[in-house]
């Protein structure tokens, strides 16, 4: 949805994604993205985890402190929260931030600064809601198909959110 809104494209062919973190969620994300044609640049402070990602997907790797300087289309924080901060936003070269880490912004005002830098932020509480949606529907209704339907609706939810934020001249977190 972020690619469609910001870059007017509907696929990941040739899209460069800088992934911060190489744990299990980043591993699954890397698989999906490489299968879709994206080029991945990853980092992690755990060299064994990073090597595992590189061995499985032949991704480019950088030192953890270098990930913010990577020339990419999407910056994907998949490690700790708060990594999008007053310092890191000065380095990020991506036009989109979309990742699986929780609480990615170190302060609410960062969302406004991202707008000023023309970086589209896909709020983590929206793009990561699929796990909770799945757990709630499967647990309460034992209906994985309904969960999949609701999760697939996140695409249009995000498009609507991006369009509304742009129209109302507010950041996507608001």
N, C-alpha and C. Protein backbone atom coordinates (compact mmCIF):
# COMPACT_ATOMS: atom_id res chain seq x y z
N UNK A 1 0.83 -1.20 0.00
CA UNK A 1 0.00 0.00 0.00
C UNK A 1 0.87 1.26 0.00
N UNK A 2 1.97 1.21 0.76
CA UNK A 2 2.88 2.36 0.78
C UNK A 2 3.54 2.56 -0.58
N UNK A 3 3.91 1.46 -1.22
CA UNK A 3 4.49 1.57 -2.57
C UNK A 3 3.47 2.17 -3.55
N UNK A 4 2.25 1.71 -3.47
CA UNK A 4 1.21 2.23 -4.37
C UNK A 4 0.98 3.72 -4.12
N UNK A 5 0.92 4.10 -2.85
CA UNK A 5 0.64 5.49 -2.53
C UNK A 5 1.81 6.41 -2.84
N UNK A 6 3.01 6.03 -2.44
CA UNK A 6 4.16 6.93 -2.57
C UNK A 6 4.84 6.84 -3.93
N UNK A 7 5.01 5.60 -4.43
CA UNK A 7 5.80 5.42 -5.65
C UNK A 7 4.95 5.04 -6.86
N UNK A 8 3.64 4.89 -6.64
CA UNK A 8 2.71 4.55 -7.72
C UNK A 8 3.10 3.25 -8.44
N UNK A 9 3.54 2.27 -7.66
CA UNK A 9 3.84 0.95 -8.20
C UNK A 9 3.15 -0.11 -7.34
N UNK A 10 2.99 -1.29 -7.91
CA UNK A 10 2.27 -2.34 -7.19
C UNK A 10 3.07 -3.62 -7.01
N UNK A 11 4.39 -3.52 -7.11
CA UNK A 11 5.21 -4.72 -6.90
C UNK A 11 6.56 -4.31 -6.34
N UNK A 12 7.32 -5.31 -5.91
CA UNK A 12 8.60 -5.07 -5.27
C UNK A 12 9.80 -5.31 -6.19
N UNK A 13 9.56 -5.50 -7.47
CA UNK A 13 10.67 -5.75 -8.40
C UNK A 13 11.69 -4.62 -8.34
N UNK A 14 12.90 -4.95 -7.91
CA UNK A 14 13.97 -3.97 -7.86
C UNK A 14 13.92 -2.99 -6.70
N UNK A 15 12.92 -3.09 -5.86
CA UNK A 15 12.80 -2.18 -4.71
C UNK A 15 13.88 -2.54 -3.70
N UNK A 16 14.58 -1.52 -3.20
CA UNK A 16 15.65 -1.73 -2.21
C UNK A 16 15.08 -1.50 -0.82
N UNK A 17 15.21 -2.52 0.02
CA UNK A 17 14.69 -2.46 1.38
C UNK A 17 15.83 -2.64 2.37
N UNK A 18 15.99 -1.68 3.26
CA UNK A 18 16.97 -1.78 4.34
C UNK A 18 16.25 -2.30 5.58
N UNK A 19 16.62 -3.51 6.00
CA UNK A 19 15.96 -4.14 7.14
C UNK A 19 16.89 -4.06 8.35
N UNK A 20 16.38 -3.43 9.40
CA UNK A 20 17.12 -3.30 10.65
C UNK A 20 16.69 -4.43 11.57
N UNK A 21 17.57 -5.42 11.70
CA UNK A 21 17.26 -6.61 12.50
C UNK A 21 17.21 -7.82 11.60
N UNK A 22 17.58 -8.97 12.14
CA UNK A 22 17.60 -10.20 11.35
C UNK A 22 17.01 -11.37 12.13
N UNK A 23 16.11 -11.08 13.04
CA UNK A 23 15.47 -12.12 13.83
C UNK A 23 14.41 -12.87 13.04
N UNK A 24 13.56 -13.59 13.73
CA UNK A 24 12.59 -14.47 13.06
C UNK A 24 11.57 -13.69 12.21
N UNK A 25 11.12 -12.54 12.68
CA UNK A 25 10.16 -11.76 11.90
C UNK A 25 10.85 -11.18 10.67
N UNK A 26 12.06 -10.66 10.83
CA UNK A 26 12.81 -10.13 9.70
C UNK A 26 13.15 -11.24 8.71
N UNK A 27 13.40 -12.44 9.21
CA UNK A 27 13.68 -13.58 8.34
C UNK A 27 12.47 -13.85 7.44
N UNK A 28 11.27 -13.91 8.04
CA UNK A 28 10.04 -14.15 7.26
C UNK A 28 9.80 -13.00 6.28
N UNK A 29 10.01 -11.77 6.71
CA UNK A 29 9.85 -10.61 5.84
C UNK A 29 10.82 -10.68 4.67
N UNK A 30 12.08 -11.02 4.96
CA UNK A 30 13.10 -11.12 3.91
C UNK A 30 12.70 -12.17 2.88
N UNK A 31 12.17 -13.28 3.34
CA UNK A 31 11.72 -14.32 2.40
C UNK A 31 10.63 -13.78 1.48
N UNK A 32 9.63 -13.15 2.06
CA UNK A 32 8.53 -12.60 1.25
C UNK A 32 9.03 -11.55 0.27
N UNK A 33 9.89 -10.67 0.74
CA UNK A 33 10.38 -9.60 -0.11
C UNK A 33 11.29 -10.10 -1.23
N UNK A 34 12.20 -11.01 -0.91
CA UNK A 34 13.07 -11.54 -1.97
C UNK A 34 12.27 -12.36 -2.97
N UNK A 35 11.29 -13.11 -2.49
CA UNK A 35 10.41 -13.85 -3.41
C UNK A 35 9.66 -12.90 -4.35
N UNK A 36 9.39 -11.69 -3.86
CA UNK A 36 8.67 -10.69 -4.65
C UNK A 36 9.60 -9.84 -5.52
N UNK A 37 10.92 -10.08 -5.45
CA UNK A 37 11.84 -9.37 -6.31
C UNK A 37 12.59 -8.21 -5.69
N UNK A 38 12.44 -8.01 -4.39
CA UNK A 38 13.13 -6.90 -3.71
C UNK A 38 14.59 -7.24 -3.47
N UNK A 39 15.38 -6.19 -3.36
CA UNK A 39 16.80 -6.29 -3.02
C UNK A 39 16.92 -5.88 -1.56
N UNK A 40 17.51 -6.75 -0.73
CA UNK A 40 17.56 -6.52 0.71
C UNK A 40 18.97 -6.17 1.17
N UNK A 41 19.03 -5.17 2.05
CA UNK A 41 20.25 -4.82 2.76
C UNK A 41 19.87 -4.92 4.23
N UNK A 42 20.60 -5.74 5.00
CA UNK A 42 20.20 -5.99 6.38
C UNK A 42 21.34 -5.75 7.35
N UNK A 43 20.96 -5.56 8.61
CA UNK A 43 21.93 -5.46 9.68
C UNK A 43 21.35 -6.13 10.92
N UNK A 44 22.24 -6.47 11.83
CA UNK A 44 21.85 -6.96 13.14
C UNK A 44 23.09 -6.93 14.02
N UNK A 45 22.89 -6.73 15.29
CA UNK A 45 24.03 -6.75 16.21
C UNK A 45 24.47 -8.18 16.49
N UNK A 46 23.61 -9.15 16.22
CA UNK A 46 23.94 -10.56 16.38
C UNK A 46 24.47 -11.09 15.05
N UNK A 47 25.76 -11.30 14.98
CA UNK A 47 26.39 -11.70 13.71
C UNK A 47 25.92 -13.08 13.24
N UNK A 48 25.62 -13.98 14.15
CA UNK A 48 25.14 -15.32 13.77
C UNK A 48 23.77 -15.22 13.09
N UNK A 49 22.89 -14.44 13.66
CA UNK A 49 21.56 -14.24 13.07
C UNK A 49 21.67 -13.57 11.70
N UNK A 50 22.55 -12.60 11.60
CA UNK A 50 22.74 -11.90 10.34
C UNK A 50 23.33 -12.84 9.28
N UNK A 51 24.28 -13.65 9.68
CA UNK A 51 24.88 -14.63 8.76
C UNK A 51 23.83 -15.63 8.27
N UNK A 52 22.94 -16.04 9.15
CA UNK A 52 21.85 -16.96 8.77
C UNK A 52 20.98 -16.33 7.69
N UNK A 53 20.63 -15.06 7.86
CA UNK A 53 19.83 -14.35 6.86
C UNK A 53 20.58 -14.26 5.53
N UNK A 54 21.84 -13.93 5.62
CA UNK A 54 22.66 -13.81 4.40
C UNK A 54 22.81 -15.15 3.70
N UNK A 55 23.04 -16.22 4.45
CA UNK A 55 23.20 -17.55 3.86
C UNK A 55 21.93 -18.04 3.17
N UNK A 56 20.77 -17.74 3.75
CA UNK A 56 19.51 -18.20 3.17
C UNK A 56 19.06 -17.38 1.96
N UNK A 57 19.33 -16.08 1.99
CA UNK A 57 18.76 -15.21 0.96
C UNK A 57 19.79 -14.40 0.17
N UNK A 58 21.05 -14.58 0.47
CA UNK A 58 22.11 -13.88 -0.24
C UNK A 58 21.90 -12.36 -0.22
N UNK A 59 21.54 -11.84 0.94
CA UNK A 59 21.31 -10.41 1.07
C UNK A 59 22.62 -9.69 1.34
N UNK A 60 22.64 -8.43 1.02
CA UNK A 60 23.77 -7.58 1.37
C UNK A 60 23.65 -7.25 2.85
N UNK A 61 24.77 -7.18 3.54
CA UNK A 61 24.73 -6.83 4.96
C UNK A 61 25.63 -5.62 5.22
N UNK A 62 25.26 -4.87 6.25
CA UNK A 62 26.04 -3.73 6.69
C UNK A 62 26.12 -3.77 8.22
N UNK A 63 27.03 -3.01 8.77
CA UNK A 63 27.12 -2.90 10.22
C UNK A 63 25.86 -2.19 10.73
N UNK A 64 25.49 -2.49 11.96
CA UNK A 64 24.24 -1.95 12.53
C UNK A 64 24.15 -0.43 12.43
N UNK A 65 25.23 0.27 12.72
CA UNK A 65 25.20 1.73 12.70
C UNK A 65 25.15 2.30 11.28
N UNK A 66 25.41 1.46 10.26
CA UNK A 66 25.40 1.92 8.87
C UNK A 66 24.03 1.80 8.19
N UNK A 67 23.09 1.12 8.82
CA UNK A 67 21.81 0.82 8.16
C UNK A 67 21.04 2.09 7.81
N UNK A 68 21.18 3.13 8.62
CA UNK A 68 20.45 4.38 8.35
C UNK A 68 20.97 5.09 7.10
N UNK A 69 22.20 4.82 6.73
CA UNK A 69 22.82 5.49 5.59
C UNK A 69 22.62 4.76 4.26
N UNK A 70 21.93 3.63 4.30
CA UNK A 70 21.73 2.83 3.09
C UNK A 70 20.79 3.57 2.13
N UNK A 71 21.19 3.64 0.87
CA UNK A 71 20.33 4.21 -0.17
C UNK A 71 19.27 3.17 -0.51
N UNK A 72 18.02 3.44 -0.13
CA UNK A 72 16.96 2.44 -0.30
C UNK A 72 15.62 3.14 -0.53
N UNK A 73 14.65 2.33 -0.93
CA UNK A 73 13.29 2.83 -1.11
C UNK A 73 12.49 2.74 0.19
N UNK A 74 12.73 1.64 0.93
CA UNK A 74 12.00 1.39 2.17
C UNK A 74 12.99 1.12 3.28
N UNK A 75 12.80 1.79 4.41
CA UNK A 75 13.54 1.47 5.62
C UNK A 75 12.60 0.68 6.50
N UNK A 76 13.03 -0.52 6.93
CA UNK A 76 12.15 -1.41 7.68
C UNK A 76 12.75 -1.76 9.04
N UNK A 77 12.35 -1.02 10.09
CA UNK A 77 12.83 -1.34 11.43
C UNK A 77 12.15 -2.62 11.94
N UNK A 78 12.93 -3.65 12.16
CA UNK A 78 12.40 -4.94 12.62
C UNK A 78 13.14 -5.42 13.86
N UNK A 79 13.70 -4.49 14.61
CA UNK A 79 14.45 -4.86 15.81
C UNK A 79 13.77 -4.22 17.02
N UNK A 80 14.45 -3.31 17.64
CA UNK A 80 13.95 -2.63 18.83
C UNK A 80 13.08 -1.44 18.47
N UNK A 81 12.24 -1.03 19.40
CA UNK A 81 11.46 0.18 19.23
C UNK A 81 12.33 1.41 19.43
N UNK A 82 11.80 2.54 19.03
CA UNK A 82 12.47 3.82 19.26
C UNK A 82 13.66 4.10 18.38
N UNK A 83 13.87 3.29 17.32
CA UNK A 83 15.06 3.52 16.48
C UNK A 83 14.86 4.65 15.48
N UNK A 84 13.63 5.07 15.27
CA UNK A 84 13.38 6.25 14.43
C UNK A 84 13.35 7.43 15.41
N UNK A 85 14.46 8.15 15.44
CA UNK A 85 14.62 9.21 16.43
C UNK A 85 15.16 10.48 15.77
N UNK A 86 15.40 11.49 16.57
CA UNK A 86 15.85 12.78 16.03
C UNK A 86 17.15 12.67 15.26
N UNK A 87 18.00 11.76 15.65
CA UNK A 87 19.28 11.56 14.96
C UNK A 87 19.11 10.70 13.70
N UNK A 88 18.44 9.57 13.83
CA UNK A 88 18.35 8.63 12.69
C UNK A 88 17.57 9.21 11.52
N UNK A 89 16.56 10.05 11.78
CA UNK A 89 15.79 10.58 10.64
C UNK A 89 16.62 11.52 9.77
N UNK A 90 17.71 12.03 10.33
CA UNK A 90 18.60 12.87 9.53
C UNK A 90 19.41 12.04 8.54
N UNK A 91 19.55 10.75 8.81
CA UNK A 91 20.35 9.86 7.98
C UNK A 91 19.51 9.05 6.99
N UNK A 92 18.28 8.74 7.33
CA UNK A 92 17.46 7.83 6.51
C UNK A 92 17.24 8.42 5.13
N UNK A 93 17.52 7.61 4.12
CA UNK A 93 17.39 8.04 2.73
C UNK A 93 16.14 7.47 2.05
N UNK A 94 15.41 6.65 2.73
CA UNK A 94 14.22 6.01 2.18
C UNK A 94 13.07 7.00 2.05
N UNK A 95 12.15 6.71 1.13
CA UNK A 95 10.94 7.52 1.02
C UNK A 95 9.78 6.89 1.78
N UNK A 96 10.00 5.67 2.30
CA UNK A 96 8.97 4.94 3.06
C UNK A 96 9.63 4.29 4.27
N UNK A 97 8.95 4.36 5.41
CA UNK A 97 9.34 3.57 6.58
C UNK A 97 8.18 2.64 6.89
N UNK A 98 8.47 1.35 6.88
CA UNK A 98 7.46 0.33 7.18
C UNK A 98 8.18 -0.88 7.75
N UNK A 99 7.95 -1.16 9.02
CA UNK A 99 8.64 -2.27 9.65
C UNK A 99 7.81 -2.96 10.71
N UNK A 100 8.36 -4.04 11.23
CA UNK A 100 7.61 -4.85 12.18
C UNK A 100 7.96 -4.58 13.64
N UNK A 101 8.93 -3.73 13.92
CA UNK A 101 9.23 -3.39 15.31
C UNK A 101 8.05 -2.63 15.90
N UNK A 102 7.83 -2.79 17.18
CA UNK A 102 6.78 -2.03 17.85
C UNK A 102 7.34 -0.70 18.32
N UNK A 103 6.48 0.31 18.35
CA UNK A 103 6.86 1.63 18.87
C UNK A 103 8.14 2.15 18.22
N UNK A 104 8.13 2.21 16.91
CA UNK A 104 9.32 2.58 16.14
C UNK A 104 9.76 4.01 16.36
N UNK A 105 8.82 4.91 16.59
CA UNK A 105 9.15 6.33 16.76
C UNK A 105 9.52 6.59 18.21
N UNK A 106 10.65 7.24 18.43
CA UNK A 106 11.10 7.51 19.80
C UNK A 106 10.26 8.57 20.49
N UNK A 107 9.57 9.36 19.71
CA UNK A 107 8.73 10.44 20.25
C UNK A 107 7.63 10.73 19.23
N UNK A 108 6.42 11.08 19.68
CA UNK A 108 5.33 11.36 18.73
C UNK A 108 5.66 12.45 17.71
N UNK A 109 6.48 13.42 18.09
CA UNK A 109 6.81 14.51 17.16
C UNK A 109 7.64 14.03 15.96
N UNK A 110 8.23 12.86 16.05
CA UNK A 110 9.01 12.31 14.94
C UNK A 110 8.11 12.13 13.73
N UNK A 111 6.85 11.76 13.94
CA UNK A 111 5.92 11.55 12.82
C UNK A 111 5.78 12.82 11.99
N UNK A 112 5.71 13.96 12.62
CA UNK A 112 5.62 15.23 11.90
C UNK A 112 6.92 15.54 11.17
N UNK A 113 8.04 15.26 11.79
CA UNK A 113 9.33 15.48 11.14
C UNK A 113 9.48 14.59 9.90
N UNK A 114 8.94 13.39 9.95
CA UNK A 114 8.98 12.50 8.78
C UNK A 114 8.20 13.11 7.62
N UNK A 115 7.06 13.71 7.91
CA UNK A 115 6.27 14.38 6.87
C UNK A 115 7.10 15.51 6.26
N UNK A 116 7.76 16.28 7.11
CA UNK A 116 8.58 17.39 6.63
C UNK A 116 9.73 16.90 5.74
N UNK A 117 10.23 15.69 6.01
CA UNK A 117 11.30 15.11 5.21
C UNK A 117 10.75 14.33 4.01
N UNK A 118 9.43 14.37 3.82
CA UNK A 118 8.76 13.66 2.72
C UNK A 118 8.98 12.14 2.79
N UNK A 119 8.96 11.61 4.01
CA UNK A 119 9.05 10.17 4.23
C UNK A 119 7.68 9.68 4.68
N UNK A 120 7.13 8.73 3.94
CA UNK A 120 5.83 8.15 4.29
C UNK A 120 6.03 7.11 5.38
N UNK A 121 5.35 7.28 6.50
CA UNK A 121 5.45 6.34 7.62
C UNK A 121 4.20 5.48 7.67
N UNK A 122 4.40 4.16 7.56
CA UNK A 122 3.30 3.20 7.74
C UNK A 122 3.29 2.85 9.23
N UNK A 123 2.32 3.36 9.99
CA UNK A 123 2.35 3.16 11.44
C UNK A 123 2.40 1.68 11.81
N UNK A 124 3.32 1.38 12.73
CA UNK A 124 3.52 -0.01 13.13
C UNK A 124 2.25 -0.62 13.71
N UNK A 125 1.44 0.16 14.41
CA UNK A 125 0.24 -0.40 15.02
C UNK A 125 -0.81 -0.78 13.99
N UNK A 126 -0.68 -0.29 12.77
CA UNK A 126 -1.57 -0.71 11.69
C UNK A 126 -0.97 -1.90 10.94
N UNK A 127 0.26 -1.75 10.47
CA UNK A 127 0.82 -2.81 9.63
C UNK A 127 1.15 -4.08 10.41
N UNK A 128 1.27 -3.97 11.74
CA UNK A 128 1.53 -5.15 12.54
C UNK A 128 0.27 -5.73 13.16
N UNK A 129 -0.86 -5.20 12.84
CA UNK A 129 -2.11 -5.65 13.48
C UNK A 129 -2.59 -7.01 12.97
N UNK A 130 -2.03 -7.49 11.88
CA UNK A 130 -2.46 -8.78 11.33
C UNK A 130 -2.30 -9.93 12.30
N UNK A 131 -1.23 -9.92 13.08
CA UNK A 131 -1.02 -10.99 14.06
C UNK A 131 -2.12 -11.03 15.10
N UNK A 132 -2.49 -9.87 15.61
CA UNK A 132 -3.56 -9.80 16.60
C UNK A 132 -4.91 -10.15 15.97
N UNK A 133 -5.15 -9.66 14.77
CA UNK A 133 -6.40 -9.99 14.06
C UNK A 133 -6.50 -11.50 13.89
N UNK A 134 -5.42 -12.11 13.44
CA UNK A 134 -5.42 -13.55 13.23
C UNK A 134 -5.69 -14.30 14.53
N UNK A 135 -4.96 -13.93 15.59
CA UNK A 135 -5.12 -14.62 16.86
C UNK A 135 -6.55 -14.48 17.40
N UNK A 136 -7.09 -13.27 17.33
CA UNK A 136 -8.43 -13.04 17.87
C UNK A 136 -9.50 -13.80 17.10
N UNK A 137 -9.45 -13.76 15.79
CA UNK A 137 -10.49 -14.42 14.99
C UNK A 137 -10.36 -15.93 15.04
N UNK A 138 -9.16 -16.44 14.96
CA UNK A 138 -8.98 -17.89 15.02
C UNK A 138 -9.36 -18.41 16.41
N UNK A 139 -8.98 -17.68 17.45
CA UNK A 139 -9.32 -18.10 18.81
C UNK A 139 -10.83 -18.02 19.07
N UNK A 140 -11.42 -16.87 18.74
CA UNK A 140 -12.85 -16.67 19.03
C UNK A 140 -13.78 -17.41 18.09
N UNK A 141 -13.43 -17.49 16.81
CA UNK A 141 -14.35 -18.02 15.82
C UNK A 141 -13.85 -19.27 15.11
N UNK A 142 -12.61 -19.67 15.37
CA UNK A 142 -12.00 -20.81 14.68
C UNK A 142 -12.19 -20.70 13.17
N UNK A 143 -11.91 -19.50 12.64
CA UNK A 143 -12.18 -19.24 11.23
C UNK A 143 -10.97 -18.56 10.58
N UNK A 144 -9.96 -19.36 10.21
CA UNK A 144 -8.77 -18.77 9.57
C UNK A 144 -9.08 -18.02 8.27
N UNK A 145 -10.09 -18.46 7.53
CA UNK A 145 -10.44 -17.78 6.28
C UNK A 145 -10.93 -16.35 6.56
N UNK A 146 -11.72 -16.18 7.61
CA UNK A 146 -12.19 -14.84 7.99
C UNK A 146 -11.00 -13.98 8.42
N UNK A 147 -10.07 -14.58 9.15
CA UNK A 147 -8.88 -13.84 9.56
C UNK A 147 -8.10 -13.37 8.34
N UNK A 148 -7.93 -14.25 7.36
CA UNK A 148 -7.21 -13.87 6.13
C UNK A 148 -7.92 -12.72 5.42
N UNK A 149 -9.24 -12.77 5.37
CA UNK A 149 -10.02 -11.71 4.73
C UNK A 149 -9.78 -10.37 5.43
N UNK A 150 -9.84 -10.39 6.74
CA UNK A 150 -9.63 -9.15 7.52
C UNK A 150 -8.19 -8.64 7.35
N UNK A 151 -7.23 -9.53 7.34
CA UNK A 151 -5.84 -9.13 7.18
C UNK A 151 -5.62 -8.54 5.79
N UNK A 152 -6.23 -9.13 4.78
CA UNK A 152 -6.10 -8.60 3.42
C UNK A 152 -6.72 -7.21 3.28
N UNK A 153 -7.66 -6.88 4.14
CA UNK A 153 -8.28 -5.55 4.12
C UNK A 153 -7.34 -4.46 4.64
N UNK A 154 -6.24 -4.86 5.27
CA UNK A 154 -5.28 -3.87 5.76
C UNK A 154 -4.70 -3.05 4.62
N UNK A 155 -4.59 -3.62 3.43
CA UNK A 155 -4.09 -2.89 2.27
C UNK A 155 -4.96 -1.64 2.02
N UNK A 156 -6.27 -1.83 1.93
CA UNK A 156 -7.15 -0.68 1.68
C UNK A 156 -7.22 0.24 2.89
N UNK A 157 -7.11 -0.31 4.08
CA UNK A 157 -7.07 0.52 5.28
C UNK A 157 -5.87 1.46 5.23
N UNK A 158 -4.71 0.92 4.85
CA UNK A 158 -3.51 1.76 4.75
C UNK A 158 -3.64 2.79 3.64
N UNK A 159 -4.14 2.40 2.49
CA UNK A 159 -4.33 3.38 1.42
C UNK A 159 -5.23 4.52 1.87
N UNK A 160 -6.32 4.17 2.54
CA UNK A 160 -7.23 5.19 3.06
C UNK A 160 -6.54 6.09 4.07
N UNK A 161 -5.75 5.48 4.95
CA UNK A 161 -5.02 6.24 5.96
C UNK A 161 -4.04 7.21 5.31
N UNK A 162 -3.28 6.74 4.32
CA UNK A 162 -2.32 7.60 3.63
C UNK A 162 -3.02 8.75 2.92
N UNK A 163 -4.11 8.44 2.25
CA UNK A 163 -4.85 9.48 1.52
C UNK A 163 -5.47 10.50 2.48
N UNK A 164 -6.03 10.02 3.59
CA UNK A 164 -6.63 10.93 4.56
C UNK A 164 -5.58 11.82 5.20
N UNK A 165 -4.44 11.26 5.56
CA UNK A 165 -3.37 12.06 6.16
C UNK A 165 -2.90 13.14 5.19
N UNK A 166 -2.77 12.77 3.92
CA UNK A 166 -2.33 13.73 2.91
C UNK A 166 -3.37 14.83 2.71
N UNK A 167 -4.60 14.43 2.62
CA UNK A 167 -5.69 15.40 2.39
C UNK A 167 -5.84 16.35 3.59
N UNK A 168 -5.74 15.80 4.79
CA UNK A 168 -5.92 16.62 5.99
C UNK A 168 -4.63 17.27 6.48
N UNK A 169 -3.53 17.00 5.76
CA UNK A 169 -2.23 17.57 6.08
C UNK A 169 -1.80 17.27 7.52
N UNK A 170 -1.94 15.97 7.89
CA UNK A 170 -1.48 15.50 9.18
C UNK A 170 -0.56 14.29 8.93
N UNK A 171 0.18 13.91 9.94
CA UNK A 171 1.02 12.75 9.78
C UNK A 171 0.19 11.47 9.91
N UNK A 172 0.72 10.38 9.44
CA UNK A 172 -0.03 9.12 9.40
C UNK A 172 -0.27 8.54 10.79
N UNK A 173 0.53 8.91 11.73
CA UNK A 173 0.30 8.43 13.10
C UNK A 173 -0.94 9.08 13.69
N UNK A 174 -1.17 10.36 13.34
CA UNK A 174 -2.37 11.05 13.83
C UNK A 174 -3.61 10.47 13.19
